[in-house]
N, C-alpha and C. Protein backbone atom coordinates (compact mmCIF):
# COMPACT_ATOMS: atom_id res chain seq x y z
N MET A 1 -86.58 -0.86 66.27
CA MET A 1 -85.63 -1.06 65.16
C MET A 1 -85.83 0.04 64.13
N SER A 2 -84.73 0.56 63.60
CA SER A 2 -84.83 1.64 62.60
C SER A 2 -85.49 1.13 61.33
N ALA A 3 -86.12 2.07 60.58
CA ALA A 3 -86.87 1.68 59.38
C ALA A 3 -86.01 0.98 58.34
N PRO A 4 -84.81 1.54 57.98
CA PRO A 4 -84.00 0.83 56.96
C PRO A 4 -83.59 -0.57 57.40
N LEU A 5 -83.24 -0.71 58.67
CA LEU A 5 -82.82 -2.04 59.18
C LEU A 5 -83.99 -3.00 59.17
N SER A 6 -85.18 -2.52 59.55
CA SER A 6 -86.36 -3.40 59.56
C SER A 6 -86.71 -3.86 58.15
N HIS A 7 -86.51 -2.98 57.14
CA HIS A 7 -86.78 -3.36 55.74
C HIS A 7 -85.81 -4.47 55.30
N ILE A 8 -84.56 -4.36 55.72
CA ILE A 8 -83.56 -5.38 55.37
C ILE A 8 -83.92 -6.71 56.01
N VAL A 9 -84.32 -6.67 57.30
CA VAL A 9 -84.69 -7.90 58.02
C VAL A 9 -85.91 -8.54 57.36
N VAL A 10 -86.91 -7.72 57.01
CA VAL A 10 -88.13 -8.23 56.37
C VAL A 10 -87.80 -8.90 55.05
N PHE A 11 -86.82 -8.33 54.31
CA PHE A 11 -86.41 -8.90 53.02
C PHE A 11 -85.90 -10.33 53.18
N PHE A 12 -85.20 -10.59 54.30
CA PHE A 12 -84.61 -11.91 54.52
C PHE A 12 -85.54 -12.87 55.29
N LEU A 13 -86.69 -12.39 55.73
CA LEU A 13 -87.59 -13.24 56.51
C LEU A 13 -88.02 -14.51 55.78
N PRO A 14 -88.49 -14.43 54.52
CA PRO A 14 -88.88 -15.67 53.84
C PRO A 14 -87.76 -16.69 53.77
N LEU A 15 -86.53 -16.20 53.56
CA LEU A 15 -85.36 -17.08 53.49
C LEU A 15 -85.23 -17.89 54.79
N LEU A 16 -85.43 -17.22 55.93
CA LEU A 16 -85.30 -17.89 57.23
C LEU A 16 -86.51 -18.75 57.54
N LEU A 17 -87.70 -18.25 57.23
CA LEU A 17 -88.94 -18.95 57.58
C LEU A 17 -89.12 -20.24 56.78
N LEU A 18 -88.55 -20.29 55.57
CA LEU A 18 -88.69 -21.48 54.73
C LEU A 18 -87.69 -22.58 55.11
N LEU A 19 -86.64 -22.23 55.83
CA LEU A 19 -85.62 -23.23 56.16
C LEU A 19 -86.16 -24.43 56.94
N PRO A 20 -86.89 -24.24 58.06
CA PRO A 20 -87.38 -25.41 58.82
C PRO A 20 -88.24 -26.37 58.01
N PRO A 21 -89.27 -25.86 57.26
CA PRO A 21 -90.07 -26.84 56.50
C PRO A 21 -89.27 -27.59 55.44
N PHE A 22 -88.28 -26.92 54.82
CA PHE A 22 -87.53 -27.60 53.77
C PHE A 22 -86.48 -28.55 54.34
N ILE A 23 -85.97 -28.27 55.51
CA ILE A 23 -85.09 -29.24 56.17
C ILE A 23 -85.90 -30.49 56.52
N LEU A 24 -87.13 -30.29 56.98
CA LEU A 24 -88.02 -31.41 57.28
C LEU A 24 -88.35 -32.19 56.00
N LEU A 25 -88.68 -31.47 54.92
CA LEU A 25 -89.01 -32.13 53.66
C LEU A 25 -87.81 -32.87 53.07
N ARG A 26 -86.59 -32.40 53.37
CA ARG A 26 -85.41 -33.09 52.87
C ARG A 26 -85.36 -34.53 53.38
N TYR A 27 -85.74 -34.73 54.66
CA TYR A 27 -85.68 -36.08 55.25
C TYR A 27 -86.94 -36.90 54.93
N ILE A 28 -88.07 -36.23 54.77
CA ILE A 28 -89.32 -36.95 54.54
C ILE A 28 -89.54 -37.28 53.06
N LEU A 29 -89.16 -36.34 52.18
CA LEU A 29 -89.58 -36.44 50.78
C LEU A 29 -88.44 -36.37 49.77
N PHE A 30 -87.57 -35.37 49.88
CA PHE A 30 -86.57 -35.12 48.84
C PHE A 30 -85.38 -36.07 48.91
N HIS A 31 -84.93 -36.44 50.12
CA HIS A 31 -83.84 -37.40 50.34
C HIS A 31 -82.53 -36.99 49.68
N SER A 32 -82.36 -35.71 49.40
CA SER A 32 -81.12 -35.22 48.79
C SER A 32 -81.02 -33.72 49.06
N TRP A 33 -79.84 -33.28 49.50
CA TRP A 33 -79.66 -31.85 49.76
C TRP A 33 -79.69 -31.06 48.46
N LYS A 34 -79.21 -31.67 47.37
CA LYS A 34 -79.20 -30.97 46.08
C LYS A 34 -80.62 -30.69 45.60
N ARG A 35 -81.47 -31.71 45.66
CA ARG A 35 -82.87 -31.53 45.24
C ARG A 35 -83.60 -30.59 46.18
N THR A 36 -83.30 -30.70 47.48
CA THR A 36 -83.92 -29.81 48.46
C THR A 36 -83.56 -28.36 48.16
N ALA A 37 -82.29 -28.11 47.81
CA ALA A 37 -81.83 -26.75 47.52
C ALA A 37 -82.56 -26.18 46.31
N VAL A 38 -82.78 -27.01 45.28
CA VAL A 38 -83.48 -26.55 44.09
C VAL A 38 -84.91 -26.13 44.44
N TYR A 39 -85.61 -26.98 45.19
CA TYR A 39 -86.98 -26.65 45.59
C TYR A 39 -87.01 -25.43 46.52
N TYR A 40 -86.00 -25.32 47.38
CA TYR A 40 -85.94 -24.20 48.32
C TYR A 40 -85.79 -22.87 47.58
N PHE A 41 -84.88 -22.80 46.62
CA PHE A 41 -84.69 -21.56 45.88
C PHE A 41 -85.87 -21.27 44.96
N PHE A 42 -86.52 -22.33 44.47
CA PHE A 42 -87.75 -22.14 43.71
C PHE A 42 -88.83 -21.53 44.61
N ALA A 43 -88.91 -22.01 45.86
CA ALA A 43 -89.88 -21.46 46.82
C ALA A 43 -89.57 -20.00 47.14
N LEU A 44 -88.30 -19.64 47.23
CA LEU A 44 -87.93 -18.24 47.48
C LEU A 44 -88.39 -17.35 46.33
N TYR A 45 -88.27 -17.85 45.12
CA TYR A 45 -88.75 -17.09 43.95
C TYR A 45 -90.26 -16.86 44.06
N LEU A 46 -91.00 -17.90 44.46
CA LEU A 46 -92.45 -17.76 44.62
C LEU A 46 -92.79 -16.76 45.72
N CYS A 47 -91.99 -16.75 46.79
CA CYS A 47 -92.19 -15.77 47.87
C CYS A 47 -91.98 -14.35 47.35
N ALA A 48 -90.97 -14.19 46.49
CA ALA A 48 -90.71 -12.86 45.90
C ALA A 48 -91.91 -12.41 45.06
N LEU A 49 -92.47 -13.34 44.28
CA LEU A 49 -93.68 -13.01 43.51
C LEU A 49 -94.82 -12.60 44.43
N TRP A 50 -94.96 -13.31 45.54
CA TRP A 50 -96.02 -13.02 46.51
C TRP A 50 -95.91 -11.58 46.99
N VAL A 51 -94.68 -11.16 47.32
CA VAL A 51 -94.46 -9.80 47.82
C VAL A 51 -94.68 -8.78 46.70
N PHE A 52 -94.13 -9.03 45.51
CA PHE A 52 -94.25 -8.08 44.41
C PHE A 52 -95.70 -7.86 44.00
N PHE A 53 -96.50 -8.93 44.02
CA PHE A 53 -97.90 -8.81 43.62
C PHE A 53 -98.80 -8.37 44.77
N GLY A 54 -98.21 -8.22 45.96
CA GLY A 54 -98.98 -7.73 47.11
C GLY A 54 -100.13 -8.64 47.49
N LEU A 55 -99.87 -9.94 47.53
CA LEU A 55 -100.94 -10.89 47.83
C LEU A 55 -101.30 -10.82 49.32
N PRO A 56 -102.51 -11.27 49.66
CA PRO A 56 -103.00 -11.09 51.03
C PRO A 56 -102.33 -12.04 52.02
N ASP A 57 -102.49 -11.72 53.30
CA ASP A 57 -102.04 -12.60 54.36
C ASP A 57 -103.06 -12.55 55.49
N CYS A 58 -102.76 -13.20 56.61
CA CYS A 58 -103.74 -13.31 57.69
C CYS A 58 -104.03 -11.97 58.37
N LEU A 59 -103.17 -10.97 58.17
CA LEU A 59 -103.39 -9.66 58.78
C LEU A 59 -103.92 -8.63 57.79
N ASN A 60 -103.71 -8.87 56.51
CA ASN A 60 -104.15 -7.92 55.48
C ASN A 60 -104.84 -8.67 54.35
N GLY A 61 -106.13 -8.66 54.39
CA GLY A 61 -106.88 -9.33 53.34
C GLY A 61 -108.36 -9.01 53.44
N ALA A 62 -108.95 -8.80 52.30
CA ALA A 62 -110.38 -8.56 52.23
C ALA A 62 -110.83 -8.81 50.80
N PHE A 63 -112.02 -9.37 50.66
CA PHE A 63 -112.52 -9.67 49.32
C PHE A 63 -113.09 -8.39 48.72
N THR A 64 -112.22 -7.68 48.01
CA THR A 64 -112.61 -6.42 47.36
C THR A 64 -112.25 -6.52 45.89
N PRO A 65 -113.01 -7.31 45.13
CA PRO A 65 -112.62 -7.60 43.75
C PRO A 65 -112.64 -6.37 42.85
N GLU A 66 -111.50 -6.10 42.25
CA GLU A 66 -111.40 -5.08 41.20
C GLU A 66 -110.80 -5.76 39.99
N LEU A 67 -111.58 -5.82 38.91
CA LEU A 67 -111.17 -6.57 37.73
C LEU A 67 -110.93 -5.66 36.54
N SER A 68 -109.94 -6.02 35.74
CA SER A 68 -109.71 -5.37 34.45
C SER A 68 -109.70 -6.48 33.41
N LEU A 69 -110.82 -6.64 32.71
CA LEU A 69 -110.99 -7.77 31.80
C LEU A 69 -110.71 -7.42 30.34
N ILE A 70 -110.28 -6.19 30.08
CA ILE A 70 -109.97 -5.79 28.71
C ILE A 70 -108.50 -6.08 28.43
N PRO A 71 -108.22 -7.00 27.50
CA PRO A 71 -106.81 -7.35 27.23
C PRO A 71 -105.99 -6.14 26.80
N PHE A 72 -104.79 -6.06 27.31
CA PHE A 72 -103.78 -5.04 26.97
C PHE A 72 -104.09 -3.64 27.52
N ALA A 73 -105.25 -3.48 28.19
CA ALA A 73 -105.60 -2.15 28.71
C ALA A 73 -104.59 -1.68 29.74
N GLU A 74 -104.25 -2.55 30.70
CA GLU A 74 -103.28 -2.18 31.75
C GLU A 74 -101.89 -2.02 31.17
N MET A 75 -101.56 -2.81 30.14
CA MET A 75 -100.24 -2.71 29.51
C MET A 75 -100.04 -1.34 28.88
N PHE A 76 -101.08 -0.84 28.17
CA PHE A 76 -100.99 0.46 27.53
C PHE A 76 -101.02 1.59 28.56
N ARG A 77 -101.75 1.36 29.65
CA ARG A 77 -101.83 2.39 30.70
C ARG A 77 -100.52 2.51 31.46
N ASP A 78 -99.83 1.37 31.65
CA ASP A 78 -98.57 1.36 32.41
C ASP A 78 -97.57 0.45 31.71
N PRO A 79 -96.94 0.93 30.63
CA PRO A 79 -96.00 0.09 29.87
C PRO A 79 -94.82 -0.40 30.70
N LEU A 80 -94.29 0.47 31.57
CA LEU A 80 -93.14 0.07 32.40
C LEU A 80 -93.53 -1.05 33.35
N GLY A 81 -94.74 -0.95 33.92
CA GLY A 81 -95.25 -2.02 34.80
C GLY A 81 -95.43 -3.32 34.03
N ALA A 82 -95.84 -3.21 32.76
CA ALA A 82 -96.03 -4.40 31.93
C ALA A 82 -94.68 -5.08 31.67
N VAL A 83 -93.65 -4.28 31.39
CA VAL A 83 -92.31 -4.83 31.16
C VAL A 83 -91.81 -5.51 32.44
N PHE A 84 -92.06 -4.86 33.57
CA PHE A 84 -91.64 -5.44 34.85
C PHE A 84 -92.39 -6.74 35.13
N GLY A 85 -93.71 -6.76 34.85
CA GLY A 85 -94.51 -7.97 35.04
C GLY A 85 -94.03 -9.10 34.15
N PHE A 86 -93.71 -8.78 32.91
CA PHE A 86 -93.16 -9.77 31.98
C PHE A 86 -91.84 -10.33 32.52
N ALA A 87 -90.98 -9.43 33.02
CA ALA A 87 -89.66 -9.84 33.53
C ALA A 87 -89.79 -10.73 34.76
N LEU A 88 -90.84 -10.53 35.56
CA LEU A 88 -91.03 -11.34 36.76
C LEU A 88 -91.26 -12.81 36.44
N PHE A 89 -91.84 -13.08 35.27
CA PHE A 89 -92.15 -14.47 34.90
C PHE A 89 -91.02 -15.13 34.10
N LEU A 90 -90.06 -14.35 33.64
CA LEU A 90 -88.94 -14.93 32.90
C LEU A 90 -88.19 -16.00 33.70
N PRO A 91 -87.85 -15.73 34.98
CA PRO A 91 -87.13 -16.76 35.76
C PRO A 91 -87.93 -18.06 35.89
N TYR A 92 -89.25 -17.94 35.95
CA TYR A 92 -90.10 -19.13 36.07
C TYR A 92 -89.93 -20.01 34.83
N GLY A 93 -89.98 -19.37 33.66
CA GLY A 93 -89.80 -20.12 32.41
C GLY A 93 -88.42 -20.71 32.26
N ILE A 94 -87.42 -20.03 32.82
CA ILE A 94 -86.04 -20.53 32.76
C ILE A 94 -85.85 -21.70 33.72
N MET A 95 -86.39 -21.55 34.94
CA MET A 95 -86.19 -22.58 35.97
C MET A 95 -86.89 -23.89 35.66
N LEU A 96 -88.10 -23.82 35.11
CA LEU A 96 -88.89 -25.04 34.91
C LEU A 96 -88.13 -26.11 34.12
N PRO A 97 -87.62 -25.81 32.90
CA PRO A 97 -86.92 -26.85 32.14
C PRO A 97 -85.56 -27.23 32.73
N LEU A 98 -84.89 -26.26 33.36
CA LEU A 98 -83.58 -26.56 33.93
C LEU A 98 -83.69 -27.48 35.14
N CYS A 99 -84.77 -27.35 35.89
CA CYS A 99 -84.93 -28.13 37.13
C CYS A 99 -85.75 -29.40 36.94
N TRP A 100 -86.69 -29.38 36.00
CA TRP A 100 -87.59 -30.53 35.82
C TRP A 100 -87.66 -30.90 34.34
N LYS A 101 -87.18 -32.08 34.03
CA LYS A 101 -87.13 -32.52 32.63
C LYS A 101 -88.51 -32.54 31.98
N ARG A 102 -89.53 -32.83 32.76
CA ARG A 102 -90.88 -32.93 32.18
C ARG A 102 -91.32 -31.59 31.57
N PHE A 103 -90.71 -30.48 32.01
CA PHE A 103 -91.07 -29.17 31.48
C PHE A 103 -90.19 -28.74 30.32
N ARG A 104 -89.41 -29.67 29.78
CA ARG A 104 -88.66 -29.37 28.57
C ARG A 104 -89.55 -29.49 27.33
N ASP A 105 -90.77 -29.86 27.55
CA ASP A 105 -91.81 -29.80 26.52
C ASP A 105 -92.51 -28.45 26.68
N GLY A 106 -92.38 -27.59 25.68
CA GLY A 106 -92.93 -26.25 25.76
C GLY A 106 -94.42 -26.21 26.04
N TRP A 107 -95.15 -27.25 25.61
CA TRP A 107 -96.60 -27.27 25.81
C TRP A 107 -96.97 -27.62 27.25
N LYS A 108 -95.97 -28.00 28.04
CA LYS A 108 -96.19 -28.17 29.48
C LYS A 108 -95.73 -26.93 30.25
N ALA A 109 -94.70 -26.27 29.72
CA ALA A 109 -94.17 -25.07 30.38
C ALA A 109 -95.15 -23.90 30.25
N LEU A 110 -95.77 -23.75 29.08
CA LEU A 110 -96.68 -22.63 28.86
C LEU A 110 -97.89 -22.65 29.80
N PRO A 111 -98.60 -23.79 29.95
CA PRO A 111 -99.71 -23.82 30.91
C PRO A 111 -99.25 -23.57 32.34
N ALA A 112 -98.02 -24.01 32.68
CA ALA A 112 -97.51 -23.78 34.04
C ALA A 112 -97.42 -22.28 34.32
N GLY A 113 -96.94 -21.50 33.35
CA GLY A 113 -96.89 -20.05 33.51
C GLY A 113 -98.27 -19.44 33.59
N PHE A 114 -99.18 -19.94 32.77
CA PHE A 114 -100.55 -19.42 32.78
C PHE A 114 -101.22 -19.68 34.13
N PHE A 115 -101.07 -20.90 34.67
CA PHE A 115 -101.73 -21.23 35.93
C PHE A 115 -101.11 -20.50 37.12
N LEU A 116 -99.80 -20.24 37.07
CA LEU A 116 -99.19 -19.43 38.13
C LEU A 116 -99.75 -18.01 38.08
N ALA A 117 -99.84 -17.44 36.88
CA ALA A 117 -100.41 -16.10 36.73
C ALA A 117 -101.88 -16.08 37.15
N LEU A 118 -102.61 -17.15 36.86
CA LEU A 118 -104.02 -17.24 37.26
C LEU A 118 -104.14 -17.26 38.78
N PHE A 119 -103.28 -18.02 39.44
CA PHE A 119 -103.28 -18.06 40.91
C PHE A 119 -103.02 -16.67 41.48
N LEU A 120 -102.02 -15.97 40.93
CA LEU A 120 -101.69 -14.63 41.42
C LEU A 120 -102.85 -13.67 41.21
N SER A 121 -103.51 -13.77 40.05
CA SER A 121 -104.64 -12.89 39.75
C SER A 121 -105.82 -13.15 40.68
N LEU A 122 -106.11 -14.43 40.93
CA LEU A 122 -107.22 -14.77 41.83
C LEU A 122 -106.92 -14.34 43.26
N ALA A 123 -105.66 -14.52 43.69
CA ALA A 123 -105.28 -14.12 45.04
C ALA A 123 -105.39 -12.61 45.21
N GLN A 124 -105.14 -11.86 44.14
CA GLN A 124 -105.23 -10.40 44.22
C GLN A 124 -106.66 -9.92 44.46
N LEU A 125 -107.65 -10.78 44.20
CA LEU A 125 -109.04 -10.41 44.49
C LEU A 125 -109.25 -10.19 45.99
N PHE A 126 -108.37 -10.80 46.80
CA PHE A 126 -108.46 -10.67 48.25
C PHE A 126 -107.46 -9.66 48.81
N SER A 127 -106.81 -8.91 47.91
CA SER A 127 -105.82 -7.92 48.33
C SER A 127 -106.42 -6.52 48.19
N PRO A 128 -106.48 -5.78 49.29
CA PRO A 128 -106.99 -4.41 49.20
C PRO A 128 -106.12 -3.57 48.26
N LYS A 129 -106.77 -2.74 47.48
CA LYS A 129 -106.09 -1.79 46.58
C LYS A 129 -105.30 -2.47 45.47
N LYS A 130 -105.67 -3.70 45.12
CA LYS A 130 -105.02 -4.39 44.01
C LYS A 130 -106.04 -4.70 42.93
N ILE A 131 -105.64 -4.52 41.67
CA ILE A 131 -106.52 -4.80 40.54
C ILE A 131 -106.09 -6.10 39.88
N SER A 132 -107.03 -7.03 39.74
CA SER A 132 -106.75 -8.28 39.02
C SER A 132 -107.00 -8.03 37.54
N SER A 133 -105.97 -8.20 36.76
CA SER A 133 -106.06 -7.89 35.33
C SER A 133 -105.82 -9.12 34.49
N VAL A 134 -106.55 -9.20 33.39
CA VAL A 134 -106.32 -10.29 32.43
C VAL A 134 -104.93 -10.17 31.82
N ASP A 135 -104.36 -8.98 31.87
CA ASP A 135 -103.01 -8.79 31.34
C ASP A 135 -101.98 -9.60 32.12
N THR A 136 -102.24 -9.85 33.41
CA THR A 136 -101.33 -10.68 34.20
C THR A 136 -101.23 -12.08 33.60
N LEU A 137 -102.37 -12.61 33.13
CA LEU A 137 -102.37 -13.94 32.50
C LEU A 137 -101.55 -13.92 31.21
N ILE A 138 -101.71 -12.85 30.42
CA ILE A 138 -100.98 -12.73 29.16
C ILE A 138 -99.48 -12.62 29.43
N LEU A 139 -99.12 -11.74 30.37
CA LEU A 139 -97.71 -11.52 30.69
C LEU A 139 -97.09 -12.77 31.32
N GLY A 140 -97.89 -13.47 32.15
CA GLY A 140 -97.39 -14.69 32.78
C GLY A 140 -97.07 -15.77 31.76
N ALA A 141 -98.00 -15.98 30.83
CA ALA A 141 -97.79 -16.99 29.79
C ALA A 141 -96.64 -16.59 28.87
N LEU A 142 -96.61 -15.31 28.47
CA LEU A 142 -95.58 -14.83 27.55
C LEU A 142 -94.19 -14.85 28.20
N GLY A 143 -94.11 -14.36 29.45
CA GLY A 143 -92.83 -14.35 30.16
C GLY A 143 -92.29 -15.76 30.36
N THR A 144 -93.17 -16.69 30.71
CA THR A 144 -92.77 -18.09 30.91
C THR A 144 -92.31 -18.70 29.59
N TRP A 145 -93.02 -18.39 28.52
CA TRP A 145 -92.70 -18.93 27.20
C TRP A 145 -91.32 -18.46 26.73
N VAL A 146 -91.06 -17.15 26.89
CA VAL A 146 -89.75 -16.61 26.49
C VAL A 146 -88.65 -17.19 27.38
N GLY A 147 -88.93 -17.30 28.69
CA GLY A 147 -87.97 -17.92 29.61
C GLY A 147 -87.67 -19.35 29.23
N TYR A 148 -88.71 -20.06 28.77
CA TYR A 148 -88.54 -21.44 28.33
C TYR A 148 -87.57 -21.52 27.15
N PHE A 149 -87.69 -20.60 26.20
CA PHE A 149 -86.79 -20.61 25.04
C PHE A 149 -85.36 -20.24 25.44
N ILE A 150 -85.23 -19.35 26.43
CA ILE A 150 -83.89 -19.02 26.93
C ILE A 150 -83.25 -20.26 27.54
N SER A 151 -84.03 -21.02 28.31
CA SER A 151 -83.50 -22.24 28.93
C SER A 151 -83.16 -23.27 27.86
N CYS A 152 -83.94 -23.34 26.77
CA CYS A 152 -83.63 -24.28 25.68
C CYS A 152 -82.28 -23.94 25.06
N VAL A 153 -82.01 -22.64 24.88
CA VAL A 153 -80.71 -22.21 24.34
C VAL A 153 -79.59 -22.62 25.29
N LEU A 154 -79.82 -22.42 26.59
CA LEU A 154 -78.81 -22.78 27.60
C LEU A 154 -78.54 -24.29 27.58
N ILE A 155 -79.61 -25.07 27.48
CA ILE A 155 -79.47 -26.54 27.48
C ILE A 155 -78.75 -27.01 26.22
N LEU A 156 -79.10 -26.42 25.06
CA LEU A 156 -78.48 -26.82 23.81
C LEU A 156 -77.01 -26.41 23.75
N SER A 157 -76.68 -25.27 24.38
CA SER A 157 -75.30 -24.79 24.33
C SER A 157 -74.40 -25.50 25.33
N ASN A 158 -75.01 -26.19 26.29
CA ASN A 158 -74.23 -26.92 27.29
C ASN A 158 -74.79 -28.33 27.42
N PRO A 159 -74.19 -29.31 26.73
CA PRO A 159 -74.73 -30.68 26.71
C PRO A 159 -74.90 -31.28 28.11
N ARG A 160 -74.09 -30.83 29.07
CA ARG A 160 -74.19 -31.40 30.42
C ARG A 160 -75.52 -31.03 31.08
N MET A 161 -76.11 -29.90 30.66
CA MET A 161 -77.41 -29.50 31.21
C MET A 161 -78.54 -30.41 30.73
N ASP A 162 -78.26 -31.17 29.66
CA ASP A 162 -79.29 -32.04 29.11
C ASP A 162 -79.40 -33.35 29.88
N GLU A 163 -78.53 -33.52 30.87
CA GLU A 163 -78.61 -34.72 31.71
C GLU A 163 -79.79 -34.58 32.67
N THR A 164 -79.94 -35.54 33.56
CA THR A 164 -81.06 -35.53 34.48
C THR A 164 -81.12 -34.22 35.26
N ALA A 165 -82.28 -33.61 35.28
CA ALA A 165 -82.45 -32.35 36.00
C ALA A 165 -82.28 -32.60 37.49
N PRO A 166 -81.73 -31.61 38.22
CA PRO A 166 -81.40 -31.83 39.63
C PRO A 166 -82.60 -32.11 40.52
N ALA A 167 -83.78 -31.66 40.12
CA ALA A 167 -84.94 -31.87 40.99
C ALA A 167 -86.08 -32.53 40.22
N ASP A 168 -85.74 -33.40 39.29
CA ASP A 168 -86.76 -34.00 38.43
C ASP A 168 -87.62 -34.96 39.25
N GLY A 169 -88.50 -34.38 40.05
CA GLY A 169 -89.28 -35.16 41.00
C GLY A 169 -90.73 -35.32 40.59
N THR A 170 -91.55 -35.48 41.59
CA THR A 170 -92.95 -35.83 41.36
C THR A 170 -93.86 -34.62 41.55
N PHE A 171 -95.09 -34.78 41.10
CA PHE A 171 -96.11 -33.74 41.26
C PHE A 171 -96.35 -33.41 42.74
N PRO A 172 -96.44 -34.40 43.66
CA PRO A 172 -96.61 -34.07 45.09
C PRO A 172 -95.48 -33.20 45.64
N GLU A 173 -94.26 -33.37 45.13
CA GLU A 173 -93.15 -32.55 45.61
C GLU A 173 -93.37 -31.09 45.24
N ARG A 174 -93.85 -30.85 44.03
CA ARG A 174 -94.11 -29.46 43.61
C ARG A 174 -95.29 -28.88 44.38
N ILE A 175 -96.31 -29.70 44.62
CA ILE A 175 -97.48 -29.23 45.37
C ILE A 175 -97.09 -28.88 46.80
N LEU A 176 -96.26 -29.71 47.43
CA LEU A 176 -95.82 -29.42 48.80
C LEU A 176 -94.95 -28.17 48.86
N THR A 177 -94.19 -27.93 47.80
CA THR A 177 -93.40 -26.70 47.74
C THR A 177 -94.31 -25.48 47.70
N PHE A 178 -95.34 -25.53 46.86
CA PHE A 178 -96.31 -24.43 46.79
C PHE A 178 -97.04 -24.29 48.13
N ALA A 179 -97.40 -25.42 48.75
CA ALA A 179 -98.10 -25.37 50.03
C ALA A 179 -97.25 -24.72 51.11
N ALA A 180 -95.95 -25.03 51.13
CA ALA A 180 -95.03 -24.43 52.11
C ALA A 180 -94.98 -22.92 51.92
N VAL A 181 -94.93 -22.48 50.66
CA VAL A 181 -94.89 -21.04 50.37
C VAL A 181 -96.18 -20.37 50.83
N VAL A 182 -97.32 -20.97 50.52
CA VAL A 182 -98.61 -20.37 50.90
C VAL A 182 -98.73 -20.26 52.41
N LEU A 183 -98.38 -21.31 53.14
CA LEU A 183 -98.48 -21.29 54.60
C LEU A 183 -97.54 -20.25 55.22
N VAL A 184 -96.31 -20.20 54.71
CA VAL A 184 -95.34 -19.23 55.25
C VAL A 184 -95.79 -17.80 54.97
N MET A 185 -96.23 -17.54 53.73
CA MET A 185 -96.55 -16.16 53.34
C MET A 185 -97.90 -15.69 53.90
N ILE A 186 -98.82 -16.60 54.17
CA ILE A 186 -100.11 -16.19 54.73
C ILE A 186 -100.04 -16.04 56.24
N PHE A 187 -99.33 -16.93 56.91
CA PHE A 187 -99.36 -16.94 58.38
C PHE A 187 -98.05 -16.48 59.03
N LEU A 188 -96.93 -17.09 58.67
CA LEU A 188 -95.68 -16.81 59.38
C LEU A 188 -95.07 -15.46 59.00
N PHE A 189 -95.03 -15.15 57.71
CA PHE A 189 -94.38 -13.92 57.25
C PHE A 189 -95.00 -12.67 57.85
N PRO A 190 -96.34 -12.51 57.80
CA PRO A 190 -96.91 -11.27 58.37
C PRO A 190 -96.70 -11.15 59.88
N LEU A 191 -96.77 -12.27 60.60
CA LEU A 191 -96.56 -12.22 62.05
C LEU A 191 -95.11 -11.89 62.39
N ALA A 192 -94.18 -12.50 61.65
CA ALA A 192 -92.75 -12.21 61.86
C ALA A 192 -92.43 -10.77 61.49
N ARG A 193 -93.03 -10.28 60.42
CA ARG A 193 -92.82 -8.90 59.99
C ARG A 193 -93.33 -7.92 61.05
N LEU A 194 -94.47 -8.26 61.65
CA LEU A 194 -95.03 -7.43 62.73
C LEU A 194 -94.10 -7.41 63.94
N ALA A 195 -93.53 -8.57 64.26
CA ALA A 195 -92.63 -8.66 65.42
C ALA A 195 -91.35 -7.85 65.16
N VAL A 196 -90.87 -7.88 63.92
CA VAL A 196 -89.66 -7.13 63.59
C VAL A 196 -89.90 -5.63 63.66
N ALA A 197 -91.08 -5.21 63.20
CA ALA A 197 -91.41 -3.78 63.18
C ALA A 197 -91.66 -3.22 64.59
N ALA A 198 -92.01 -4.12 65.53
CA ALA A 198 -92.35 -3.66 66.89
C ALA A 198 -91.15 -3.09 67.63
């Protein structure tokens, strides 16, 4: 397969690989196509983060910790990268309150952004040639916080958005969504990508 075509196919792989588990979860857990769709697109966003942050998988991973513990050091060294990192977390802050009413409390949305950034930073410890920076935690919390305020404006400007969120589900539903993403991106995605490149 030609290189440009293989890159296009690889881009759509998570979309295809996540379909079977979410169709299964629709009948076992979500019981609604609307709620399943919300969790599915949320999972696709997490897959995009996985790729952008270069997290490890079953074919590429080694514990080679490189840490940057000085706050703002990486931001000043690479301002454009910092802006991009901040922008990556904006959708997370926007989606949380729009999809789950429990996250319309800013003090719940902010820790959610921090813990997602913490997960990404810890996972990068197992990624060759990746530096885990404390700036990721700052950008994650800040990006989520700003996204949260954007969603508040959207909700206030459209009273219909203030009704029950489409996927206002339980903690196990969110955990299973994260678990599906981790399993797909660690095991299925790298193997499928290898098969496409062959």
